[in-house]
Amino acid sequence: MSTWIKSRFLAFDRKVDGAVTFFVQHYGKTKFMVAMSKKAQYFGLENLFLKGPKAFVYFFIFYLIRDTILYIIIPIGFAKWID
């Protein structure tokens, strides 16, 4: 049964060009977030903002949402589930 599930998952992942495995390997980051992280490291946050304020805001919001879910919502939910 598990090999059937794994094969179906890998088939789906191939259809979406490996987006699912990329998302899991990079801890919930999208390709946009990884690219913007590299640019932020290279240019610095201020220069990155000056190059494209709209993209910077999206980048910030994506990280804010992701980190809120990962570091606040999931631990609180887990603590309530345990207690």
PDB file of N, CA and C in Angstrom:
ATOM      1  N   MET A   1       0.812  -1.197   0.000  1.00  0.00           N
ATOM      2  CA  MET A   1       0.000   0.000   0.000  1.00  0.00           C
ATOM      3  C   MET A   1       0.855   1.260   0.000  1.00  0.00           C
ATOM      4  N   SER A   2       1.925   1.289   0.802  1.00  0.00           N
ATOM      5  CA  SER A   2       2.751   2.492   0.887  1.00  0.00           C
ATOM      6  C   SER A   2       3.504   2.765  -0.413  1.00  0.00           C
ATOM      7  N   THR A   3       3.906   1.734  -1.132  1.00  0.00           N
ATOM      8  CA  THR A   3       4.585   1.949  -2.411  1.00  0.00           C
ATOM      9  C   THR A   3       3.612   2.531  -3.435  1.00  0.00           C
ATOM     10  N   TRP A   4       2.339   2.132  -3.362  1.00  0.00           N
ATOM     11  CA  TRP A   4       1.340   2.686  -4.275  1.00  0.00           C
ATOM     12  C   TRP A   4       1.148   4.178  -3.981  1.00  0.00           C
ATOM     13  N   ILE A   5       1.074   4.540  -2.701  1.00  0.00           N
ATOM     14  CA  ILE A   5       0.902   5.949  -2.316  1.00  0.00           C
ATOM     15  C   ILE A   5       2.124   6.758  -2.746  1.00  0.00           C
ATOM     16  N   LYS A   6       3.312   6.193  -2.514  1.00  0.00           N
ATOM     17  CA  LYS A   6       4.537   6.891  -2.888  1.00  0.00           C
ATOM     18  C   LYS A   6       4.622   7.089  -4.393  1.00  0.00           C
ATOM     19  N   SER A   7       4.259   6.077  -5.169  1.00  0.00           N
ATOM     20  CA  SER A   7       4.312   6.200  -6.620  1.00  0.00           C
ATOM     21  C   SER A   7       3.307   7.234  -7.127  1.00  0.00           C
ATOM     22  N   ARG A   8       2.118   7.280  -6.516  1.00  0.00           N
ATOM     23  CA  ARG A   8       1.109   8.274  -6.907  1.00  0.00           C
ATOM     24  C   ARG A   8       1.596   9.686  -6.556  1.00  0.00           C
ATOM     25  N   PHE A   9       2.209   9.830  -5.378  1.00  0.00           N
ATOM     26  CA  PHE A   9       2.739  11.126  -4.963  1.00  0.00           C
ATOM     27  C   PHE A   9       3.838  11.594  -5.922  1.00  0.00           C
ATOM     28  N   LEU A  10       4.762  10.693  -6.257  1.00  0.00           N
ATOM     29  CA  LEU A  10       5.854  11.062  -7.163  1.00  0.00           C
ATOM     30  C   LEU A  10       5.338  11.394  -8.558  1.00  0.00           C
ATOM     31  N   ALA A  11       4.292  10.685  -9.004  1.00  0.00           N
ATOM     32  CA  ALA A  11       3.686  10.997 -10.306  1.00  0.00           C
ATOM     33  C   ALA A  11       3.076  12.394 -10.287  1.00  0.00           C
ATOM     34  N   PHE A  12       2.380  12.721  -9.200  1.00  0.00           N
ATOM     35  CA  PHE A  12       1.806  14.065  -9.060  1.00  0.00           C
ATOM     36  C   PHE A  12       2.908  15.117  -8.998  1.00  0.00           C
ATOM     37  N   ASP A  13       3.976  14.832  -8.261  1.00  0.00           N
ATOM     38  CA  ASP A  13       5.084  15.769  -8.137  1.00  0.00           C
ATOM     39  C   ASP A  13       5.737  16.031  -9.490  1.00  0.00           C
ATOM     40  N   ARG A  14       5.870  14.998 -10.306  1.00  0.00           N
ATOM     41  CA  ARG A  14       6.429  15.180 -11.644  1.00  0.00           C
ATOM     42  C   ARG A  14       5.518  16.056 -12.501  1.00  0.00           C
ATOM     43  N   LYS A  15       4.210  15.925 -12.329  1.00  0.00           N
ATOM     44  CA  LYS A  15       3.263  16.743 -13.105  1.00  0.00           C
ATOM     45  C   LYS A  15       3.383  18.220 -12.757  1.00  0.00           C
ATOM     46  N   VAL A  16       3.723  18.526 -11.531  1.00  0.00           N
ATOM     47  CA  VAL A  16       3.871  19.928 -11.111  1.00  0.00           C
ATOM     48  C   VAL A  16       5.342  20.348 -11.082  1.00  0.00           C
ATOM     49  N   ASP A  17       6.167  19.684 -11.859  1.00  0.00           N
ATOM     50  CA  ASP A  17       7.589  20.007 -12.033  1.00  0.00           C
ATOM     51  C   ASP A  17       8.382  20.010 -10.731  1.00  0.00           C
ATOM     52  N   GLY A  18       8.075  19.101  -9.838  1.00  0.00           N
ATOM     53  CA  GLY A  18       8.830  18.951  -8.596  1.00  0.00           C
ATOM     54  C   GLY A  18       8.537  20.017  -7.553  1.00  0.00           C
ATOM     55  N   ALA A  19       7.436  20.730  -7.702  1.00  0.00           N
ATOM     56  CA  ALA A  19       7.126  21.821  -6.771  1.00  0.00           C
ATOM     57  C   ALA A  19       6.856  21.310  -5.358  1.00  0.00           C
ATOM     58  N   VAL A  20       6.250  20.145  -5.227  1.00  0.00           N
ATOM     59  CA  VAL A  20       5.916  19.620  -3.903  1.00  0.00           C
ATOM     60  C   VAL A  20       7.188  19.238  -3.150  1.00  0.00           C
ATOM     61  N   THR A  21       8.085  18.509  -3.782  1.00  0.00           N
ATOM     62  CA  THR A  21       9.323  18.122  -3.105  1.00  0.00           C
ATOM     63  C   THR A  21      10.191  19.344  -2.820  1.00  0.00           C
ATOM     64  N   PHE A  22      10.196  20.328  -3.720  1.00  0.00           N
ATOM     65  CA  PHE A  22      10.931  21.570  -3.481  1.00  0.00           C
ATOM     66  C   PHE A  22      10.387  22.265  -2.237  1.00  0.00           C
ATOM     67  N   PHE A  23       9.062  22.348  -2.127  1.00  0.00           N
ATOM     68  CA  PHE A  23       8.409  23.007  -1.004  1.00  0.00           C
ATOM     69  C   PHE A  23       8.769  22.310   0.310  1.00  0.00           C
ATOM     70  N   VAL A  24       8.778  20.991   0.307  1.00  0.00           N
ATOM     71  CA  VAL A  24       9.095  20.230   1.517  1.00  0.00           C
ATOM     72  C   VAL A  24      10.585  20.343   1.849  1.00  0.00           C
ATOM     73  N   GLN A  25      11.446  20.258   0.849  1.00  0.00           N
ATOM     74  CA  GLN A  25      12.885  20.324   1.092  1.00  0.00           C
ATOM     75  C   GLN A  25      13.325  21.689   1.614  1.00  0.00           C
ATOM     76  N   HIS A  26      12.631  22.729   1.213  1.00  0.00           N
ATOM     77  CA  HIS A  26      13.017  24.076   1.623  1.00  0.00           C
ATOM     78  C   HIS A  26      12.143  24.613   2.752  1.00  0.00           C
ATOM     79  N   TYR A  27      11.549  23.705   3.523  1.00  0.00           N
ATOM     80  CA  TYR A  27      10.799  24.070   4.733  1.00  0.00           C
ATOM     81  C   TYR A  27       9.686  25.079   4.474  1.00  0.00           C
ATOM     82  N   GLY A  28       8.918  24.854   3.447  1.00  0.00           N
ATOM     83  CA  GLY A  28       7.769  25.703   3.183  1.00  0.00           C
ATOM     84  C   GLY A  28       8.070  26.964   2.398  1.00  0.00           C
ATOM     85  N   LYS A  29       9.221  27.044   1.782  1.00  0.00           N
ATOM     86  CA  LYS A  29       9.552  28.217   0.974  1.00  0.00           C
ATOM     87  C   LYS A  29       9.186  27.940  -0.479  1.00  0.00           C
ATOM     88  N   THR A  30       8.678  28.951  -1.147  1.00  0.00           N
ATOM     89  CA  THR A  30       8.421  28.831  -2.572  1.00  0.00           C
ATOM     90  C   THR A  30       9.705  29.168  -3.328  1.00  0.00           C
ATOM     91  N   LYS A  31       9.736  28.918  -4.627  1.00  0.00           N
ATOM     92  CA  LYS A  31      10.919  29.264  -5.423  1.00  0.00           C
ATOM     93  C   LYS A  31      11.165  30.765  -5.397  1.00  0.00           C
ATOM     94  N   PHE A  32      10.082  31.545  -5.374  1.00  0.00           N
ATOM     95  CA  PHE A  32      10.201  33.002  -5.277  1.00  0.00           C
ATOM     96  C   PHE A  32      10.895  33.395  -3.979  1.00  0.00           C
ATOM     97  N   MET A  33      10.517  32.756  -2.878  1.00  0.00           N
ATOM     98  CA  MET A  33      11.109  33.086  -1.586  1.00  0.00           C
ATOM     99  C   MET A  33      12.586  32.724  -1.541  1.00  0.00           C
ATOM    100  N   VAL A  34      12.961  31.599  -2.123  1.00  0.00           N
ATOM    101  CA  VAL A  34      14.368  31.193  -2.144  1.00  0.00           C
ATOM    102  C   VAL A  34      15.173  32.177  -2.984  1.00  0.00           C
ATOM    103  N   ALA A  35      14.631  32.559  -4.146  1.00  0.00           N
ATOM    104  CA  ALA A  35      15.336  33.518  -5.006  1.00  0.00           C
ATOM    105  C   ALA A  35      15.482  34.867  -4.318  1.00  0.00           C
ATOM    106  N   MET A  36      14.424  35.325  -3.659  1.00  0.00           N
ATOM    107  CA  MET A  36      14.489  36.609  -2.968  1.00  0.00           C
ATOM    108  C   MET A  36      15.444  36.547  -1.771  1.00  0.00           C
ATOM    109  N   SER A  37      15.530  35.405  -1.106  1.00  0.00           N
ATOM    110  CA  SER A  37      16.478  35.255   0.003  1.00  0.00           C
ATOM    111  C   SER A  37      17.905  35.411  -0.487  1.00  0.00           C
ATOM    112  N   LYS A  38      18.202  34.798  -1.641  1.00  0.00           N
ATOM    113  CA  LYS A  38      19.538  34.919  -2.208  1.00  0.00           C
ATOM    114  C   LYS A  38      19.835  36.361  -2.598  1.00  0.00           C
ATOM    115  N   LYS A  39      18.827  37.030  -3.193  1.00  0.00           N
ATOM    116  CA  LYS A  39      19.020  38.436  -3.560  1.00  0.00           C
ATOM    117  C   LYS A  39      19.195  39.304  -2.319  1.00  0.00           C
ATOM    118  N   ALA A  40      18.447  38.996  -1.265  1.00  0.00           N
ATOM    119  CA  ALA A  40      18.570  39.771  -0.024  1.00  0.00           C
ATOM    120  C   ALA A  40      19.957  39.613   0.575  1.00  0.00           C
ATOM    121  N   GLN A  41      20.510  38.411   0.488  1.00  0.00           N
ATOM    122  CA  GLN A  41      21.859  38.184   1.003  1.00  0.00           C
ATOM    123  C   GLN A  41      22.889  38.916   0.149  1.00  0.00           C
ATOM    124  N   TYR A  42      22.657  38.967  -1.151  1.00  0.00           N
ATOM    125  CA  TYR A  42      23.618  39.576  -2.069  1.00  0.00           C
ATOM    126  C   TYR A  42      23.540  41.108  -2.031  1.00  0.00           C
ATOM    127  N   PHE A  43      22.332  41.662  -2.147  1.00  0.00           N
ATOM    128  CA  PHE A  43      22.168  43.113  -2.223  1.00  0.00           C
ATOM    129  C   PHE A  43      22.019  43.783  -0.866  1.00  0.00           C
ATOM    130  N   GLY A  44      21.476  43.072   0.103  1.00  0.00           N
ATOM    131  CA  GLY A  44      21.093  43.691   1.366  1.00  0.00           C
ATOM    132  C   GLY A  44      19.624  44.097   1.272  1.00  0.00           C
ATOM    133  N   LEU A  45      18.967  44.185   2.417  1.00  0.00           N
ATOM    134  CA  LEU A  45      17.533  44.437   2.418  1.00  0.00           C
ATOM    135  C   LEU A  45      17.162  45.812   1.874  1.00  0.00           C
ATOM    136  N   GLU A  46      17.944  46.834   2.229  1.00  0.00           N
ATOM    137  CA  GLU A  46      17.603  48.186   1.762  1.00  0.00           C
ATOM    138  C   GLU A  46      17.709  48.295   0.246  1.00  0.00           C
ATOM    139  N   ASN A  47      18.799  47.795  -0.316  1.00  0.00           N
ATOM    140  CA  ASN A  47      18.963  47.851  -1.774  1.00  0.00           C
ATOM    141  C   ASN A  47      17.934  46.976  -2.480  1.00  0.00           C
ATOM    142  N   LEU A  48      17.576  45.865  -1.869  1.00  0.00           N
ATOM    143  CA  LEU A  48      16.555  45.001  -2.456  1.00  0.00           C
ATOM    144  C   LEU A  48      15.214  45.726  -2.492  1.00  0.00           C
ATOM    145  N   PHE A  49      14.895  46.446  -1.419  1.00  0.00           N
ATOM    146  CA  PHE A  49      13.657  47.219  -1.386  1.00  0.00           C
ATOM    147  C   PHE A  49      13.668  48.307  -2.466  1.00  0.00           C
ATOM    148  N   LEU A  50      14.799  48.975  -2.624  1.00  0.00           N
ATOM    149  CA  LEU A  50      14.897  50.043  -3.618  1.00  0.00           C
ATOM    150  C   LEU A  50      14.810  49.507  -5.044  1.00  0.00           C
ATOM    151  N   LYS A  51      15.265  48.287  -5.270  1.00  0.00           N
ATOM    152  CA  LYS A  51      15.186  47.685  -6.607  1.00  0.00           C
ATOM    153  C   LYS A  51      13.749  47.333  -6.987  1.00  0.00           C
ATOM    154  N   GLY A  52      12.961  46.857  -6.013  1.00  0.00           N
ATOM    155  CA  GLY A  52      11.591  46.464  -6.317  1.00  0.00           C
ATOM    156  C   GLY A  52      10.741  46.411  -5.070  1.00  0.00           C
ATOM    157  N   PRO A  53      10.133  47.523  -4.683  1.00  0.00           N
ATOM    158  CA  PRO A  53       9.364  47.547  -3.438  1.00  0.00           C
ATOM    159  C   PRO A  53       8.206  46.542  -3.420  1.00  0.00           C
ATOM    160  N   LYS A  54       7.548  46.350  -4.540  1.00  0.00           N
ATOM    161  CA  LYS A  54       6.402  45.433  -4.585  1.00  0.00           C
ATOM    162  C   LYS A  54       6.857  43.990  -4.318  1.00  0.00           C
ATOM    163  N   ALA A  55       7.926  43.565  -4.976  1.00  0.00           N
ATOM    164  CA  ALA A  55       8.444  42.211  -4.772  1.00  0.00           C
ATOM    165  C   ALA A  55       8.943  42.039  -3.340  1.00  0.00           C
ATOM    166  N   PHE A  56       9.555  43.086  -2.786  1.00  0.00           N
ATOM    167  CA  PHE A  56      10.040  43.018  -1.412  1.00  0.00           C
ATOM    168  C   PHE A  56       8.887  42.839  -0.430  1.00  0.00           C
ATOM    169  N   VAL A  57       7.790  43.550  -0.642  1.00  0.00           N
ATOM    170  CA  VAL A  57       6.628  43.432   0.234  1.00  0.00           C
ATOM    171  C   VAL A  57       6.045  42.024   0.153  1.00  0.00           C
ATOM    172  N   TYR A  58       5.916  41.466  -1.070  1.00  0.00           N
ATOM    173  CA  TYR A  58       5.440  40.088  -1.214  1.00  0.00           C
ATOM    174  C   TYR A  58       6.354  39.120  -0.468  1.00  0.00           C
ATOM    175  N   PHE A  59       7.648  39.305  -0.629  1.00  0.00           N
ATOM    176  CA  PHE A  59       8.640  38.467   0.039  1.00  0.00           C
ATOM    177  C   PHE A  59       8.463  38.529   1.556  1.00  0.00           C
ATOM    178  N   PHE A  60       8.316  39.727   2.086  1.00  0.00           N
ATOM    179  CA  PHE A  60       8.148  39.921   3.517  1.00  0.00           C
ATOM    180  C   PHE A  60       6.853  39.278   4.010  1.00  0.00           C
ATOM    181  N   ILE A  61       5.765  39.472   3.275  1.00  0.00           N
ATOM    182  CA  ILE A  61       4.471  38.907   3.676  1.00  0.00           C
ATOM    183  C   ILE A  61       4.512  37.385   3.634  1.00  0.00           C
ATOM    184  N   PHE A  62       5.124  36.823   2.582  1.00  0.00           N
ATOM    185  CA  PHE A  62       5.225  35.359   2.501  1.00  0.00           C
ATOM    186  C   PHE A  62       5.978  34.808   3.703  1.00  0.00           C
ATOM    187  N   TYR A  63       7.096  35.434   4.053  1.00  0.00           N
ATOM    188  CA  TYR A  63       7.867  34.968   5.205  1.00  0.00           C
ATOM    189  C   TYR A  63       7.097  35.164   6.497  1.00  0.00           C
ATOM    190  N   LEU A  64       6.392  36.277   6.621  1.00  0.00           N
ATOM    191  CA  LEU A  64       5.612  36.541   7.819  1.00  0.00           C
ATOM    192  C   LEU A  64       4.527  35.483   8.010  1.00  0.00           C
ATOM    193  N   ILE A  65       3.821  35.162   6.945  1.00  0.00           N
ATOM    194  CA  ILE A  65       2.767  34.148   7.018  1.00  0.00           C
ATOM    195  C   ILE A  65       3.372  32.782   7.319  1.00  0.00           C
ATOM    196  N   ARG A  66       4.429  32.420   6.605  1.00  0.00           N
ATOM    197  CA  ARG A  66       5.067  31.111   6.799  1.00  0.00           C
ATOM    198  C   ARG A  66       5.597  30.958   8.224  1.00  0.00           C
ATOM    199  N   ASP A  67       6.301  31.970   8.706  1.00  0.00           N
ATOM    200  CA  ASP A  67       6.873  31.883  10.045  1.00  0.00           C
ATOM    201  C   ASP A  67       5.803  31.900  11.124  1.00  0.00           C
ATOM    202  N   THR A  68       4.726  32.651  10.901  1.00  0.00           N
ATOM    203  CA  THR A  68       3.623  32.648  11.861  1.00  0.00           C
ATOM    204  C   THR A  68       3.021  31.259  11.982  1.00  0.00           C
ATOM    205  N   ILE A  69       2.831  30.620  10.852  1.00  0.00           N
ATOM    206  CA  ILE A  69       2.268  29.258  10.862  1.00  0.00           C
ATOM    207  C   ILE A  69       3.244  28.287  11.513  1.00  0.00           C
ATOM    208  N   LEU A  70       4.515  28.325  11.095  1.00  0.00           N
ATOM    209  CA  LEU A  70       5.500  27.361  11.582  1.00  0.00           C
ATOM    210  C   LEU A  70       5.841  27.530  13.054  1.00  0.00           C
ATOM    211  N   TYR A  71       5.994  28.762  13.493  1.00  0.00           N
ATOM    212  CA  TYR A  71       6.547  28.989  14.826  1.00  0.00           C
ATOM    213  C   TYR A  71       5.530  29.441  15.870  1.00  0.00           C
ATOM    214  N   ILE A  72       4.306  29.750  15.454  1.00  0.00           N
ATOM    215  CA  ILE A  72       3.302  30.173  16.429  1.00  0.00           C
ATOM    216  C   ILE A  72       2.076  29.263  16.398  1.00  0.00           C
ATOM    217  N   ILE A  73       1.432  29.146  15.259  1.00  0.00           N
ATOM    218  CA  ILE A  73       0.172  28.400  15.167  1.00  0.00           C
ATOM    219  C   ILE A  73       0.370  26.905  15.404  1.00  0.00           C
ATOM    220  N   ILE A  74       1.348  26.301  14.737  1.00  0.00           N
ATOM    221  CA  ILE A  74       1.574  24.853  14.896  1.00  0.00           C
ATOM    222  C   ILE A  74       1.973  24.501  16.333  1.00  0.00           C
ATOM    223  N   PRO A  75       2.925  25.211  16.958  1.00  0.00           N
ATOM    224  CA  PRO A  75       3.250  24.863  18.360  1.00  0.00           C
ATOM    225  C   PRO A  75       2.073  25.035  19.323  1.00  0.00           C
ATOM    226  N   ILE A  76       1.278  26.097  19.136  1.00  0.00           N
ATOM    227  CA  ILE A  76       0.117  26.279  20.005  1.00  0.00           C
ATOM    228  C   ILE A  76      -0.886  25.150  19.792  1.00  0.00           C
ATOM    229  N   GLY A  77      -1.126  24.804  18.554  1.00  0.00           N
ATOM    230  CA  GLY A  77      -2.038  23.692  18.264  1.00  0.00           C
ATOM    231  C   GLY A  77      -1.526  22.379  18.830  1.00  0.00           C
ATOM    232  N   PHE A  78      -0.225  22.152  18.699  1.00  0.00           N
ATOM    233  CA  PHE A  78       0.362  20.928  19.245  1.00  0.00           C
ATOM    234  C   PHE A  78       0.259  20.904  20.760  1.00  0.00           C
ATOM    235  N   ALA A  79       0.491  22.045  21.412  1.00  0.00           N
ATOM    236  CA  ALA A  79       0.397  22.109  22.876  1.00  0.00           C
ATOM    237  C   ALA A  79      -1.031  21.856  23.343  1.00  0.00           C
ATOM    238  N   LYS A  80      -2.001  22.394  22.620  1.00  0.00           N
ATOM    239  CA  LYS A  80      -3.399  22.146  22.989  1.00  0.00           C
ATOM    240  C   LYS A  80      -3.771  20.704  22.758  1.00  0.00           C
ATOM    241  N   TRP A  81      -3.223  20.095  21.708  1.00  0.00           N
ATOM    242  CA  TRP A  81      -3.525  18.694  21.405  1.00  0.00           C
ATOM    243  C   TRP A  81      -2.934  17.767  22.464  1.00  0.00           C
ATOM    244  N   ILE A  82      -1.735  18.084  22.955  1.00  0.00           N
ATOM    245  CA  ILE A  82      -1.074  17.285  23.976  1.00  0.00           C
ATOM    246  C   ILE A  82      -1.756  17.432  25.326  1.00  0.00           C
ATOM    247  N   ASP A  83      -2.144  18.656  25.673  1.00  0.00           N
ATOM    248  CA  ASP A  83      -2.705  18.924  27.006  1.00  0.00           C
ATOM    249  C   ASP A  83      -4.118  18.504  27.127  1.00  0.00           C
TER     250      ASP A  83
END
